[in-house]
Amino acid sequence: MNSEKHIKVTGYSNISWKDAIVKTVDEASKTLNNLTRITVLDQHANVSGNKIVEYMVDLDIVFKIEPFQEPIQEDPDNM
């Protein structure tokens, strides 16, 4: 059986929305295995002095759940 988990993540960049997406996926892949897809849920920005100073993206990140494997029990008589 295949199962997937969805998490919502907000990413930030002072360069662009694309940069925020790329950096967020890169960072998420450091702690999540088997990423399969992302969906951009929302894009927004902070403005100061009539200029965008921070780009933000809300992402739905999807990854496959690894099947549970029973831990291997060591035989105490063979130690």
N, C-alpha and C. Protein backbone atom coordinates (compact mmCIF):
# COMPACT_ATOMS: atom_id res chain seq x y z
N MET A 1 0.84 -1.18 0.00
CA MET A 1 0.00 0.00 0.00
C MET A 1 0.88 1.25 0.00
N ASN A 2 0.57 2.18 -0.83
CA ASN A 2 1.30 3.44 -0.87
C ASN A 2 0.50 4.51 -0.14
N SER A 3 1.20 5.28 0.67
CA SER A 3 0.57 6.39 1.38
C SER A 3 1.45 7.61 1.25
N GLU A 4 0.80 8.78 1.27
CA GLU A 4 1.53 10.03 1.19
C GLU A 4 1.13 10.93 2.35
N LYS A 5 2.04 11.78 2.74
CA LYS A 5 1.79 12.76 3.78
C LYS A 5 1.91 14.14 3.16
N HIS A 6 1.02 15.06 3.55
CA HIS A 6 1.04 16.44 3.09
C HIS A 6 1.38 17.33 4.28
N ILE A 7 2.29 18.27 4.04
CA ILE A 7 2.55 19.27 5.07
C ILE A 7 2.51 20.64 4.41
N LYS A 8 2.08 21.62 5.17
CA LYS A 8 2.05 23.00 4.68
C LYS A 8 3.27 23.72 5.25
N VAL A 9 4.02 24.37 4.36
CA VAL A 9 5.26 25.04 4.74
C VAL A 9 5.26 26.43 4.13
N THR A 10 5.76 27.41 4.87
CA THR A 10 5.93 28.76 4.34
C THR A 10 7.41 29.02 4.14
N GLY A 11 7.76 29.48 2.93
CA GLY A 11 9.15 29.79 2.61
C GLY A 11 9.32 31.27 2.35
N TYR A 12 10.56 31.74 2.55
CA TYR A 12 10.86 33.17 2.45
C TYR A 12 12.08 33.40 1.56
N SER A 13 12.11 34.54 0.89
CA SER A 13 13.27 34.96 0.11
C SER A 13 13.23 36.47 -0.05
N ASN A 14 14.40 37.08 -0.14
CA ASN A 14 14.43 38.51 -0.44
C ASN A 14 14.74 38.74 -1.92
N ILE A 15 14.73 37.64 -2.72
CA ILE A 15 15.04 37.73 -4.15
C ILE A 15 13.78 37.61 -5.02
N SER A 16 13.02 36.50 -4.83
CA SER A 16 11.84 36.28 -5.68
C SER A 16 10.98 35.16 -5.10
N TRP A 17 9.76 35.02 -5.64
CA TRP A 17 8.91 33.91 -5.23
C TRP A 17 9.54 32.59 -5.67
N LYS A 18 10.09 32.55 -6.88
CA LYS A 18 10.74 31.32 -7.35
C LYS A 18 11.87 30.92 -6.41
N ASP A 19 12.67 31.88 -6.00
CA ASP A 19 13.77 31.59 -5.08
C ASP A 19 13.23 31.05 -3.75
N ALA A 20 12.14 31.60 -3.28
CA ALA A 20 11.53 31.12 -2.04
C ALA A 20 11.08 29.66 -2.18
N ILE A 21 10.51 29.33 -3.34
CA ILE A 21 10.07 27.95 -3.59
C ILE A 21 11.26 27.01 -3.61
N VAL A 22 12.28 27.36 -4.40
CA VAL A 22 13.46 26.50 -4.55
C VAL A 22 14.16 26.29 -3.20
N LYS A 23 14.36 27.36 -2.45
CA LYS A 23 15.03 27.25 -1.15
C LYS A 23 14.22 26.41 -0.17
N THR A 24 12.91 26.57 -0.19
CA THR A 24 12.06 25.83 0.75
C THR A 24 12.06 24.34 0.43
N VAL A 25 11.98 23.99 -0.84
CA VAL A 25 12.02 22.57 -1.22
C VAL A 25 13.38 21.98 -0.87
N ASP A 26 14.45 22.73 -1.13
CA ASP A 26 15.79 22.26 -0.78
C ASP A 26 15.92 22.02 0.72
N GLU A 27 15.43 22.94 1.51
CA GLU A 27 15.52 22.80 2.97
C GLU A 27 14.65 21.65 3.47
N ALA A 28 13.45 21.50 2.92
CA ALA A 28 12.56 20.41 3.33
C ALA A 28 13.17 19.06 2.99
N SER A 29 13.87 18.97 1.86
CA SER A 29 14.45 17.69 1.44
C SER A 29 15.58 17.23 2.36
N LYS A 30 16.08 18.11 3.20
CA LYS A 30 17.15 17.73 4.15
C LYS A 30 16.60 16.89 5.29
N THR A 31 15.31 17.03 5.60
CA THR A 31 14.74 16.28 6.72
C THR A 31 13.59 15.37 6.31
N LEU A 32 13.08 15.53 5.09
CA LEU A 32 11.99 14.68 4.60
C LEU A 32 12.49 13.83 3.44
N ASN A 33 12.22 12.54 3.49
CA ASN A 33 12.61 11.64 2.41
C ASN A 33 11.46 11.45 1.44
N ASN A 34 11.78 11.08 0.23
CA ASN A 34 10.80 10.69 -0.78
C ASN A 34 9.81 11.79 -1.16
N LEU A 35 10.31 13.04 -1.32
CA LEU A 35 9.43 14.12 -1.79
C LEU A 35 8.92 13.75 -3.18
N THR A 36 7.64 13.97 -3.40
CA THR A 36 7.06 13.61 -4.70
C THR A 36 6.49 14.80 -5.46
N ARG A 37 5.98 15.81 -4.75
CA ARG A 37 5.46 16.97 -5.46
C ARG A 37 5.20 18.12 -4.49
N ILE A 38 5.04 19.29 -5.08
CA ILE A 38 4.65 20.47 -4.30
C ILE A 38 3.51 21.17 -5.04
N THR A 39 2.71 21.87 -4.28
CA THR A 39 1.69 22.74 -4.84
C THR A 39 1.86 24.10 -4.19
N VAL A 40 1.92 25.14 -5.00
CA VAL A 40 1.99 26.50 -4.46
C VAL A 40 0.58 26.90 -4.08
N LEU A 41 0.36 27.08 -2.79
CA LEU A 41 -0.97 27.42 -2.28
C LEU A 41 -1.23 28.92 -2.32
N ASP A 42 -0.17 29.70 -2.04
CA ASP A 42 -0.34 31.15 -1.99
C ASP A 42 1.02 31.83 -2.13
N GLN A 43 1.02 33.03 -2.65
CA GLN A 43 2.20 33.86 -2.74
C GLN A 43 1.84 35.22 -2.15
N HIS A 44 2.72 35.75 -1.33
CA HIS A 44 2.49 37.07 -0.76
C HIS A 44 3.85 37.71 -0.49
N ALA A 45 3.85 38.99 -0.16
CA ALA A 45 5.11 39.71 0.02
C ALA A 45 4.95 40.81 1.05
N ASN A 46 6.08 41.14 1.67
CA ASN A 46 6.14 42.31 2.55
C ASN A 46 6.71 43.47 1.75
N VAL A 47 6.13 44.65 1.95
CA VAL A 47 6.52 45.84 1.21
C VAL A 47 7.00 46.90 2.19
N SER A 48 8.08 47.59 1.80
CA SER A 48 8.59 48.72 2.58
C SER A 48 9.11 49.77 1.61
N GLY A 49 8.73 51.00 1.79
CA GLY A 49 9.19 52.07 0.89
C GLY A 49 8.79 51.83 -0.55
N ASN A 50 7.58 51.31 -0.74
CA ASN A 50 7.05 51.02 -2.08
C ASN A 50 7.83 49.95 -2.84
N LYS A 51 8.61 49.14 -2.12
CA LYS A 51 9.36 48.05 -2.75
C LYS A 51 9.11 46.75 -2.00
N ILE A 52 9.10 45.66 -2.76
CA ILE A 52 9.00 44.34 -2.11
C ILE A 52 10.32 44.05 -1.42
N VAL A 53 10.24 43.74 -0.15
CA VAL A 53 11.46 43.45 0.62
C VAL A 53 11.54 41.98 1.02
N GLU A 54 10.43 41.26 0.91
CA GLU A 54 10.45 39.84 1.25
C GLU A 54 9.32 39.12 0.52
N TYR A 55 9.68 38.05 -0.18
CA TYR A 55 8.72 37.22 -0.90
C TYR A 55 8.41 35.99 -0.05
N MET A 56 7.14 35.62 0.00
CA MET A 56 6.73 34.47 0.79
C MET A 56 5.85 33.55 -0.04
N VAL A 57 6.01 32.25 0.16
CA VAL A 57 5.18 31.25 -0.52
C VAL A 57 4.69 30.24 0.49
N ASP A 58 3.42 29.87 0.37
CA ASP A 58 2.87 28.77 1.15
C ASP A 58 2.82 27.56 0.23
N LEU A 59 3.46 26.48 0.64
CA LEU A 59 3.56 25.28 -0.18
C LEU A 59 2.90 24.10 0.51
N ASP A 60 2.27 23.26 -0.29
CA ASP A 60 1.85 21.94 0.16
C ASP A 60 2.93 20.99 -0.35
N ILE A 61 3.70 20.42 0.56
CA ILE A 61 4.77 19.50 0.19
C ILE A 61 4.29 18.08 0.47
N VAL A 62 4.47 17.20 -0.52
CA VAL A 62 3.98 15.83 -0.42
C VAL A 62 5.17 14.88 -0.47
N PHE A 63 5.14 13.89 0.42
CA PHE A 63 6.17 12.86 0.41
C PHE A 63 5.56 11.51 0.73
N LYS A 64 6.19 10.46 0.21
CA LYS A 64 5.71 9.10 0.46
C LYS A 64 6.08 8.67 1.86
N ILE A 65 5.16 7.97 2.50
CA ILE A 65 5.41 7.41 3.81
C ILE A 65 6.07 6.05 3.62
N GLU A 66 7.21 5.87 4.26
CA GLU A 66 7.92 4.59 4.15
C GLU A 66 7.18 3.53 4.96
N PRO A 67 7.10 2.31 4.43
CA PRO A 67 6.43 1.25 5.16
C PRO A 67 7.14 0.96 6.48
N PHE A 68 6.35 0.63 7.48
CA PHE A 68 6.91 0.30 8.79
C PHE A 68 7.63 -1.03 8.72
N GLN A 69 8.81 -1.08 9.33
CA GLN A 69 9.55 -2.32 9.40
C GLN A 69 9.84 -2.63 10.85
N GLU A 70 9.51 -3.85 11.23
CA GLU A 70 9.77 -4.28 12.61
C GLU A 70 11.26 -4.23 12.89
N PRO A 71 11.65 -3.74 14.08
CA PRO A 71 13.07 -3.75 14.43
C PRO A 71 13.56 -5.19 14.55
N ILE A 72 14.79 -5.39 14.18
CA ILE A 72 15.39 -6.72 14.29
C ILE A 72 15.74 -6.97 15.74
N GLN A 73 15.20 -8.06 16.27
CA GLN A 73 15.47 -8.44 17.65
C GLN A 73 16.74 -9.28 17.69
N GLU A 74 17.68 -8.86 18.51
CA GLU A 74 18.90 -9.63 18.66
C GLU A 74 18.67 -10.76 19.65
N ASP A 75 19.23 -11.90 19.35
CA ASP A 75 19.11 -13.07 20.22
C ASP A 75 20.11 -12.93 21.35
N PRO A 76 19.64 -12.81 22.61
CA PRO A 76 20.56 -12.62 23.74
C PRO A 76 21.49 -13.84 23.94
N ASP A 77 21.09 -15.01 23.44
CA ASP A 77 21.93 -16.19 23.60
C ASP A 77 23.14 -16.16 22.67
N ASN A 78 23.08 -15.35 21.61
CA ASN A 78 24.19 -15.28 20.66
C ASN A 78 25.13 -14.14 20.95
N MET A 79 25.01 -13.52 22.09
CA MET A 79 25.89 -12.39 22.43
C MET A 79 27.08 -12.83 23.20
